[in-house]
């Protein structure tokens, strides 16, 4: 999956709501920041909520490239 093709949303700190931050690094094109107010480390930009079904579709659980290989089988085995 090309994570950079997903629509994004920019968010303030999820802990204190501040919009001031310091960029720490980029991971797969997403900015990982530290909140200047409370110190929380979070993704300043994240995949938009409506894009989550593309991220966590059946291939996430079945293919094993990213995600959980054998998730469905494990769920069925321990779900009873």
PDB file of N, CA and C in Angstrom:
ATOM      1  N   UNK A   1       0.845  -1.180   0.000  1.00  0.00           N
ATOM      2  CA  UNK A   1       0.000   0.000   0.000  1.00  0.00           C
ATOM      3  C   UNK A   1       0.885   1.235   0.000  1.00  0.00           C
ATOM      4  N   UNK A   2       0.519   2.210  -0.784  1.00  0.00           N
ATOM      5  CA  UNK A   2       1.217   3.484  -0.815  1.00  0.00           C
ATOM      6  C   UNK A   2       0.573   4.417   0.211  1.00  0.00           C
ATOM      7  N   UNK A   3       1.194   4.503   1.374  1.00  0.00           N
ATOM      8  CA  UNK A   3       0.646   5.294   2.472  1.00  0.00           C
ATOM      9  C   UNK A   3       0.562   6.775   2.111  1.00  0.00           C
ATOM     10  N   UNK A   4       1.426   7.249   1.230  1.00  0.00           N
ATOM     11  CA  UNK A   4       1.416   8.661   0.865  1.00  0.00           C
ATOM     12  C   UNK A   4       0.239   9.033  -0.021  1.00  0.00           C
ATOM     13  N   UNK A   5      -0.413   8.045  -0.613  1.00  0.00           N
ATOM     14  CA  UNK A   5      -1.563   8.349  -1.467  1.00  0.00           C
ATOM     15  C   UNK A   5      -2.858   8.507  -0.668  1.00  0.00           C
ATOM     16  N   UNK A   6      -2.835   8.171   0.608  1.00  0.00           N
ATOM     17  CA  UNK A   6      -4.040   8.282   1.431  1.00  0.00           C
ATOM     18  C   UNK A   6      -4.339   9.746   1.752  1.00  0.00           C
ATOM     19  N   UNK A   7      -5.604  10.124   1.748  1.00  0.00           N
ATOM     20  CA  UNK A   7      -5.952  11.485   2.180  1.00  0.00           C
ATOM     21  C   UNK A   7      -5.571  11.666   3.651  1.00  0.00           C
ATOM     22  N   UNK A   8      -5.127  12.867   3.985  1.00  0.00           N
ATOM     23  CA  UNK A   8      -4.655  13.140   5.346  1.00  0.00           C
ATOM     24  C   UNK A   8      -5.464  14.231   6.019  1.00  0.00           C
ATOM     25  N   UNK A   9      -5.367  14.224   7.333  1.00  0.00           N
ATOM     26  CA  UNK A   9      -5.914  15.315   8.124  1.00  0.00           C
ATOM     27  C   UNK A   9      -4.819  15.768   9.096  1.00  0.00           C
ATOM     28  N   UNK A  10      -4.769  17.062   9.357  1.00  0.00           N
ATOM     29  CA  UNK A  10      -3.814  17.630  10.302  1.00  0.00           C
ATOM     30  C   UNK A  10      -4.528  17.832  11.618  1.00  0.00           C
ATOM     31  N   UNK A  11      -3.881  17.399  12.700  1.00  0.00           N
ATOM     32  CA  UNK A  11      -4.534  17.459  14.008  1.00  0.00           C
ATOM     33  C   UNK A  11      -3.647  18.149  15.034  1.00  0.00           C
ATOM     34  N   UNK A  12      -4.265  18.793  16.030  1.00  0.00           N
ATOM     35  CA  UNK A  12      -3.488  19.331  17.153  1.00  0.00           C
ATOM     36  C   UNK A  12      -3.123  18.176  18.094  1.00  0.00           C
ATOM     37  N   UNK A  13      -2.409  18.481  19.131  1.00  0.00           N
ATOM     38  CA  UNK A  13      -2.040  17.467  20.115  1.00  0.00           C
ATOM     39  C   UNK A  13      -3.303  16.793  20.656  1.00  0.00           C
ATOM     40  N   UNK A  14      -3.299  15.486  20.657  1.00  0.00           N
ATOM     41  CA  UNK A  14      -4.481  14.749  21.121  1.00  0.00           C
ATOM     42  C   UNK A  14      -4.603  14.752  22.642  1.00  0.00           C
ATOM     43  N   UNK A  15      -3.541  15.142  23.331  1.00  0.00           N
ATOM     44  CA  UNK A  15      -3.592  15.167  24.788  1.00  0.00           C
ATOM     45  C   UNK A  15      -4.039  16.524  25.329  1.00  0.00           C
ATOM     46  N   UNK A  16      -3.424  17.619  24.834  1.00  0.00           N
ATOM     47  CA  UNK A  16      -3.724  18.931  25.407  1.00  0.00           C
ATOM     48  C   UNK A  16      -4.373  19.898  24.421  1.00  0.00           C
ATOM     49  N   UNK A  17      -4.424  19.538  23.134  1.00  0.00           N
ATOM     50  CA  UNK A  17      -5.074  20.390  22.147  1.00  0.00           C
ATOM     51  C   UNK A  17      -4.199  21.491  21.569  1.00  0.00           C
ATOM     52  N   UNK A  18      -2.945  21.572  21.985  1.00  0.00           N
ATOM     53  CA  UNK A  18      -2.044  22.607  21.498  1.00  0.00           C
ATOM     54  C   UNK A  18      -1.695  22.381  20.025  1.00  0.00           C
ATOM     55  N   UNK A  19      -1.447  23.465  19.326  1.00  0.00           N
ATOM     56  CA  UNK A  19      -1.025  23.376  17.928  1.00  0.00           C
ATOM     57  C   UNK A  19       0.450  23.720  17.754  1.00  0.00           C
ATOM     58  N   UNK A  20       1.171  23.900  18.857  1.00  0.00           N
ATOM     59  CA  UNK A  20       2.602  24.167  18.765  1.00  0.00           C
ATOM     60  C   UNK A  20       3.355  22.859  18.946  1.00  0.00           C
ATOM     61  N   UNK A  21       4.357  22.658  18.106  1.00  0.00           N
ATOM     62  CA  UNK A  21       5.070  21.383  18.114  1.00  0.00           C
ATOM     63  C   UNK A  21       6.468  21.551  17.551  1.00  0.00           C
ATOM     64  N   UNK A  22       7.296  20.514  17.730  1.00  0.00           N
ATOM     65  CA  UNK A  22       8.618  20.450  17.136  1.00  0.00           C
ATOM     66  C   UNK A  22       8.705  19.156  16.335  1.00  0.00           C
ATOM     67  N   UNK A  23       9.093  19.265  15.084  1.00  0.00           N
ATOM     68  CA  UNK A  23       9.225  18.092  14.218  1.00  0.00           C
ATOM     69  C   UNK A  23      10.395  17.247  14.696  1.00  0.00           C
ATOM     70  N   UNK A  24      10.146  15.951  14.906  1.00  0.00           N
ATOM     71  CA  UNK A  24      11.200  15.032  15.313  1.00  0.00           C
ATOM     72  C   UNK A  24      11.769  14.294  14.106  1.00  0.00           C
ATOM     73  N   UNK A  25      10.881  13.777  13.270  1.00  0.00           N
ATOM     74  CA  UNK A  25      11.286  13.055  12.062  1.00  0.00           C
ATOM     75  C   UNK A  25      10.069  12.770  11.210  1.00  0.00           C
ATOM     76  N   UNK A  26      10.313  12.250  10.030  1.00  0.00           N
ATOM     77  CA  UNK A  26       9.225  11.807   9.148  1.00  0.00           C
ATOM     78  C   UNK A  26       9.339  10.299   8.987  1.00  0.00           C
ATOM     79  N   UNK A  27       8.214   9.634   9.110  1.00  0.00           N
ATOM     80  CA  UNK A  27       8.152   8.190   8.926  1.00  0.00           C
ATOM     81  C   UNK A  27       7.129   7.917   7.839  1.00  0.00           C
ATOM     82  N   UNK A  28       7.594   7.307   6.746  1.00  0.00           N
ATOM     83  CA  UNK A  28       6.728   7.061   5.583  1.00  0.00           C
ATOM     84  C   UNK A  28       6.040   8.341   5.124  1.00  0.00           C
ATOM     85  N   UNK A  29       6.721   9.465   5.256  1.00  0.00           N
ATOM     86  CA  UNK A  29       6.173  10.745   4.822  1.00  0.00           C
ATOM     87  C   UNK A  29       5.293  11.434   5.850  1.00  0.00           C
ATOM     88  N   UNK A  30       5.052  10.805   6.989  1.00  0.00           N
ATOM     89  CA  UNK A  30       4.202  11.393   8.024  1.00  0.00           C
ATOM     90  C   UNK A  30       5.067  12.069   9.084  1.00  0.00           C
ATOM     91  N   UNK A  31       4.744  13.324   9.459  1.00  0.00           N
ATOM     92  CA  UNK A  31       5.550  14.032  10.451  1.00  0.00           C
ATOM     93  C   UNK A  31       5.258  13.561  11.881  1.00  0.00           C
ATOM     94  N   UNK A  32       6.297  13.078  12.532  1.00  0.00           N
ATOM     95  CA  UNK A  32       6.221  12.709  13.946  1.00  0.00           C
ATOM     96  C   UNK A  32       6.718  13.925  14.717  1.00  0.00           C
ATOM     97  N   UNK A  33       5.884  14.440  15.602  1.00  0.00           N
ATOM     98  CA  UNK A  33       6.204  15.689  16.306  1.00  0.00           C
ATOM     99  C   UNK A  33       6.103  15.513  17.819  1.00  0.00           C
ATOM    100  N   UNK A  34       6.738  16.446  18.537  1.00  0.00           N
ATOM    101  CA  UNK A  34       6.595  16.519  19.999  1.00  0.00           C
ATOM    102  C   UNK A  34       5.846  17.795  20.316  1.00  0.00           C
ATOM    103  N   UNK A  35       4.775  17.677  21.063  1.00  0.00           N
ATOM    104  CA  UNK A  35       3.990  18.843  21.475  1.00  0.00           C
ATOM    105  C   UNK A  35       4.867  19.749  22.338  1.00  0.00           C
ATOM    106  N   UNK A  36       4.896  21.029  22.008  1.00  0.00           N
ATOM    107  CA  UNK A  36       5.697  21.999  22.764  1.00  0.00           C
ATOM    108  C   UNK A  36       5.100  22.297  24.127  1.00  0.00           C
ATOM    109  N   UNK A  37       3.820  22.001  24.309  1.00  0.00           N
ATOM    110  CA  UNK A  37       3.150  22.303  25.575  1.00  0.00           C
ATOM    111  C   UNK A  37       3.260  21.149  26.572  1.00  0.00           C
ATOM    112  N   UNK A  38       2.885  19.932  26.137  1.00  0.00           N
ATOM    113  CA  UNK A  38       2.842  18.816  27.091  1.00  0.00           C
ATOM    114  C   UNK A  38       3.891  17.730  26.830  1.00  0.00           C
ATOM    115  N   UNK A  39       4.535  17.758  25.661  1.00  0.00           N
ATOM    116  CA  UNK A  39       5.590  16.789  25.380  1.00  0.00           C
ATOM    117  C   UNK A  39       5.142  15.505  24.703  1.00  0.00           C
ATOM    118  N   UNK A  40       3.851  15.345  24.459  1.00  0.00           N
ATOM    119  CA  UNK A  40       3.362  14.137  23.806  1.00  0.00           C
ATOM    120  C   UNK A  40       3.958  14.023  22.404  1.00  0.00           C
ATOM    121  N   UNK A  41       4.352  12.835  22.017  1.00  0.00           N
ATOM    122  CA  UNK A  41       4.830  12.572  20.668  1.00  0.00           C
ATOM    123  C   UNK A  41       3.681  11.946  19.897  1.00  0.00           C
ATOM    124  N   UNK A  42       3.368  12.508  18.721  1.00  0.00           N
ATOM    125  CA  UNK A  42       2.215  12.044  17.954  1.00  0.00           C
ATOM    126  C   UNK A  42       2.401  12.343  16.478  1.00  0.00           C
ATOM    127  N   UNK A  43       1.527  11.814  15.636  1.00  0.00           N
ATOM    128  CA  UNK A  43       1.522  12.122  14.214  1.00  0.00           C
ATOM    129  C   UNK A  43       0.749  13.411  13.997  1.00  0.00           C
ATOM    130  N   UNK A  44       1.420  14.422  13.478  1.00  0.00           N
ATOM    131  CA  UNK A  44       0.768  15.717  13.216  1.00  0.00           C
ATOM    132  C   UNK A  44      -0.218  15.588  12.064  1.00  0.00           C
ATOM    133  N   UNK A  45       0.158  14.845  11.058  1.00  0.00           N
ATOM    134  CA  UNK A  45      -0.744  14.498   9.962  1.00  0.00           C
ATOM    135  C   UNK A  45      -0.981  13.001  10.065  1.00  0.00           C
ATOM    136  N   UNK A  46      -2.205  12.620   9.858  1.00  0.00           N
ATOM    137  CA  UNK A  46      -2.533  11.190   9.920  1.00  0.00           C
ATOM    138  C   UNK A  46      -3.512  10.875   8.808  1.00  0.00           C
ATOM    139  N   UNK A  47      -3.654   9.595   8.468  1.00  0.00           N
ATOM    140  CA  UNK A  47      -4.650   9.241   7.452  1.00  0.00           C
ATOM    141  C   UNK A  47      -6.033   9.692   7.916  1.00  0.00           C
ATOM    142  N   UNK A  48      -6.792  10.261   7.001  1.00  0.00           N
ATOM    143  CA  UNK A  48      -8.147  10.707   7.319  1.00  0.00           C
ATOM    144  C   UNK A  48      -9.008   9.509   7.707  1.00  0.00           C
ATOM    145  N   UNK A  49      -9.975   9.758   8.551  1.00  0.00           N
ATOM    146  CA  UNK A  49     -10.813   8.667   9.052  1.00  0.00           C
ATOM    147  C   UNK A  49     -11.467   7.878   7.920  1.00  0.00           C
ATOM    148  N   UNK A  50     -11.910   8.566   6.875  1.00  0.00           N
ATOM    149  CA  UNK A  50     -12.580   7.858   5.786  1.00  0.00           C
ATOM    150  C   UNK A  50     -11.606   7.004   4.966  1.00  0.00           C
ATOM    151  N   UNK A  51     -10.304   7.136   5.197  1.00  0.00           N
ATOM    152  CA  UNK A  51      -9.312   6.323   4.487  1.00  0.00           C
ATOM    153  C   UNK A  51      -8.967   5.047   5.243  1.00  0.00           C
ATOM    154  N   UNK A  52      -9.452   4.902   6.457  1.00  0.00           N
ATOM    155  CA  UNK A  52      -9.091   3.749   7.276  1.00  0.00           C
ATOM    156  C   UNK A  52      -9.525   2.421   6.669  1.00  0.00           C
ATOM    157  N   UNK A  53     -10.651   2.410   5.953  1.00  0.00           N
ATOM    158  CA  UNK A  53     -11.081   1.162   5.343  1.00  0.00           C
ATOM    159  C   UNK A  53     -10.097   0.718   4.262  1.00  0.00           C
ATOM    160  N   UNK A  54      -9.406   1.661   3.610  1.00  0.00           N
ATOM    161  CA  UNK A  54      -8.376   1.299   2.638  1.00  0.00           C
ATOM    162  C   UNK A  54      -7.138   0.754   3.346  1.00  0.00           C
ATOM    163  N   UNK A  55      -6.822   1.318   4.504  1.00  0.00           N
ATOM    164  CA  UNK A  55      -5.650   0.871   5.259  1.00  0.00           C
ATOM    165  C   UNK A  55      -5.870  -0.498   5.879  1.00  0.00           C
ATOM    166  N   UNK A  56      -7.054  -0.697   6.413  1.00  0.00           N
ATOM    167  CA  UNK A  56      -7.332  -1.912   7.168  1.00  0.00           C
ATOM    168  C   UNK A  56      -8.365  -2.787   6.473  1.00  0.00           C
ATOM    169  N   UNK A  57      -8.252  -2.896   5.166  1.00  0.00           N
ATOM    170  CA  UNK A  57      -9.113  -3.790   4.404  1.00  0.00           C
ATOM    171  C   UNK A  57      -8.678  -5.232   4.592  1.00  0.00           C
ATOM    172  N   UNK A  58      -9.254  -6.126   3.842  1.00  0.00           N
ATOM    173  CA  UNK A  58      -8.961  -7.550   4.008  1.00  0.00           C
ATOM    174  C   UNK A  58      -7.492  -7.870   3.748  1.00  0.00           C
ATOM    175  N   UNK A  59      -6.827  -7.137   2.852  1.00  0.00           N
ATOM    176  CA  UNK A  59      -5.421  -7.437   2.580  1.00  0.00           C
ATOM    177  C   UNK A  59      -4.542  -7.174   3.805  1.00  0.00           C
ATOM    178  N   UNK A  60      -4.926  -6.239   4.656  1.00  0.00           N
ATOM    179  CA  UNK A  60      -4.166  -5.971   5.879  1.00  0.00           C
ATOM    180  C   UNK A  60      -4.142  -7.213   6.763  1.00  0.00           C
ATOM    181  N   UNK A  61      -5.234  -7.920   6.808  1.00  0.00           N
ATOM    182  CA  UNK A  61      -5.348  -9.087   7.673  1.00  0.00           C
ATOM    183  C   UNK A  61      -4.959 -10.389   6.988  1.00  0.00           C
ATOM    184  N   UNK A  62      -4.917 -10.400   5.667  1.00  0.00           N
ATOM    185  CA  UNK A  62      -4.672 -11.646   4.949  1.00  0.00           C
ATOM    186  C   UNK A  62      -3.298 -11.753   4.305  1.00  0.00           C
ATOM    187  N   UNK A  63      -2.766 -10.647   3.765  1.00  0.00           N
ATOM    188  CA  UNK A  63      -1.553 -10.722   2.951  1.00  0.00           C
ATOM    189  C   UNK A  63      -0.278 -10.904   3.756  1.00  0.00           C
ATOM    190  N   UNK A  64      -0.150 -10.241   4.871  1.00  0.00           N
ATOM    191  CA  UNK A  64       1.036 -10.382   5.689  1.00  0.00           C
ATOM    192  C   UNK A  64       2.165  -9.430   5.349  1.00  0.00           C
ATOM    193  N   UNK A  65       2.040  -8.632   4.281  1.00  0.00           N
ATOM    194  CA  UNK A  65       3.086  -7.656   3.974  1.00  0.00           C
ATOM    195  C   UNK A  65       3.140  -6.588   5.061  1.00  0.00           C
ATOM    196  N   UNK A  66       1.983  -6.126   5.448  1.00  0.00           N
ATOM    197  CA  UNK A  66       1.819  -5.172   6.551  1.00  0.00           C
ATOM    198  C   UNK A  66       0.643  -5.717   7.342  1.00  0.00           C
ATOM    199  N   UNK A  67       0.719  -5.634   8.623  1.00  0.00           N
ATOM    200  CA  UNK A  67      -0.430  -6.071   9.414  1.00  0.00           C
ATOM    201  C   UNK A  67      -0.205  -7.421  10.053  1.00  0.00           C
ATOM    202  N   UNK A  68      -1.231  -8.219  10.061  1.00  0.00           N
ATOM    203  CA  UNK A  68      -1.250  -9.457  10.814  1.00  0.00           C
ATOM    204  C   UNK A  68      -1.438 -10.660   9.905  1.00  0.00           C
ATOM    205  N   UNK A  69      -0.381 -11.402   9.705  1.00  0.00           N
ATOM    206  CA  UNK A  69      -0.508 -12.640   8.944  1.00  0.00           C
ATOM    207  C   UNK A  69      -1.289 -13.631   9.785  1.00  0.00           C
ATOM    208  N   UNK A  70      -2.277 -14.260   9.195  1.00  0.00           N
ATOM    209  CA  UNK A  70      -3.049 -15.276   9.893  1.00  0.00           C
ATOM    210  C   UNK A  70      -4.030 -14.745  10.907  1.00  0.00           C
ATOM    211  N   UNK A  71      -4.367 -13.473  10.849  1.00  0.00           N
ATOM    212  CA  UNK A  71      -5.262 -12.869  11.832  1.00  0.00           C
ATOM    213  C   UNK A  71      -6.612 -13.569  11.865  1.00  0.00           C
ATOM    214  N   UNK A  72      -7.197 -13.792  10.701  1.00  0.00           N
ATOM    215  CA  UNK A  72      -8.532 -14.379  10.632  1.00  0.00           C
ATOM    216  C   UNK A  72      -8.515 -15.785  11.226  1.00  0.00           C
ATOM    217  N   UNK A  73      -7.489 -16.579  10.878  1.00  0.00           N
ATOM    218  CA  UNK A  73      -7.406 -17.931  11.433  1.00  0.00           C
ATOM    219  C   UNK A  73      -7.244 -17.913  12.949  1.00  0.00           C
ATOM    220  N   UNK A  74      -6.401 -17.003  13.442  1.00  0.00           N
ATOM    221  CA  UNK A  74      -6.205 -16.891  14.888  1.00  0.00           C
ATOM    222  C   UNK A  74      -7.489 -16.475  15.575  1.00  0.00           C
ATOM    223  N   UNK A  75      -8.225 -15.532  15.004  1.00  0.00           N
ATOM    224  CA  UNK A  75      -9.478 -15.078  15.570  1.00  0.00           C
ATOM    225  C   UNK A  75     -10.471 -16.230  15.638  1.00  0.00           C
ATOM    226  N   UNK A  76     -10.556 -17.000  14.554  1.00  0.00           N
ATOM    227  CA  UNK A  76     -11.489 -18.131  14.534  1.00  0.00           C
ATOM    228  C   UNK A  76     -11.093 -19.187  15.562  1.00  0.00           C
ATOM    229  N   UNK A  77      -9.803 -19.434  15.692  1.00  0.00           N
ATOM    230  CA  UNK A  77      -9.328 -20.456  16.634  1.00  0.00           C
ATOM    231  C   UNK A  77      -9.642 -20.073  18.070  1.00  0.00           C
ATOM    232  N   UNK A  78      -9.448 -18.805  18.422  1.00  0.00           N
ATOM    233  CA  UNK A  78      -9.633 -18.382  19.816  1.00  0.00           C
ATOM    234  C   UNK A  78     -10.978 -17.704  20.067  1.00  0.00           C
ATOM    235  N   UNK A  79     -11.767 -17.548  19.027  1.00  0.00           N
ATOM    236  CA  UNK A  79     -13.049 -16.856  19.162  1.00  0.00           C
ATOM    237  C   UNK A  79     -14.151 -17.711  19.771  1.00  0.00           C
ATOM    238  N   UNK A  80     -13.936 -18.982  19.808  1.00  0.00           N
ATOM    239  CA  UNK A  80     -14.991 -19.872  20.354  1.00  0.00           C
ATOM    240  C   UNK A  80     -14.896 -20.051  21.835  1.00  0.00           C
TER     241      UNK A  80
END
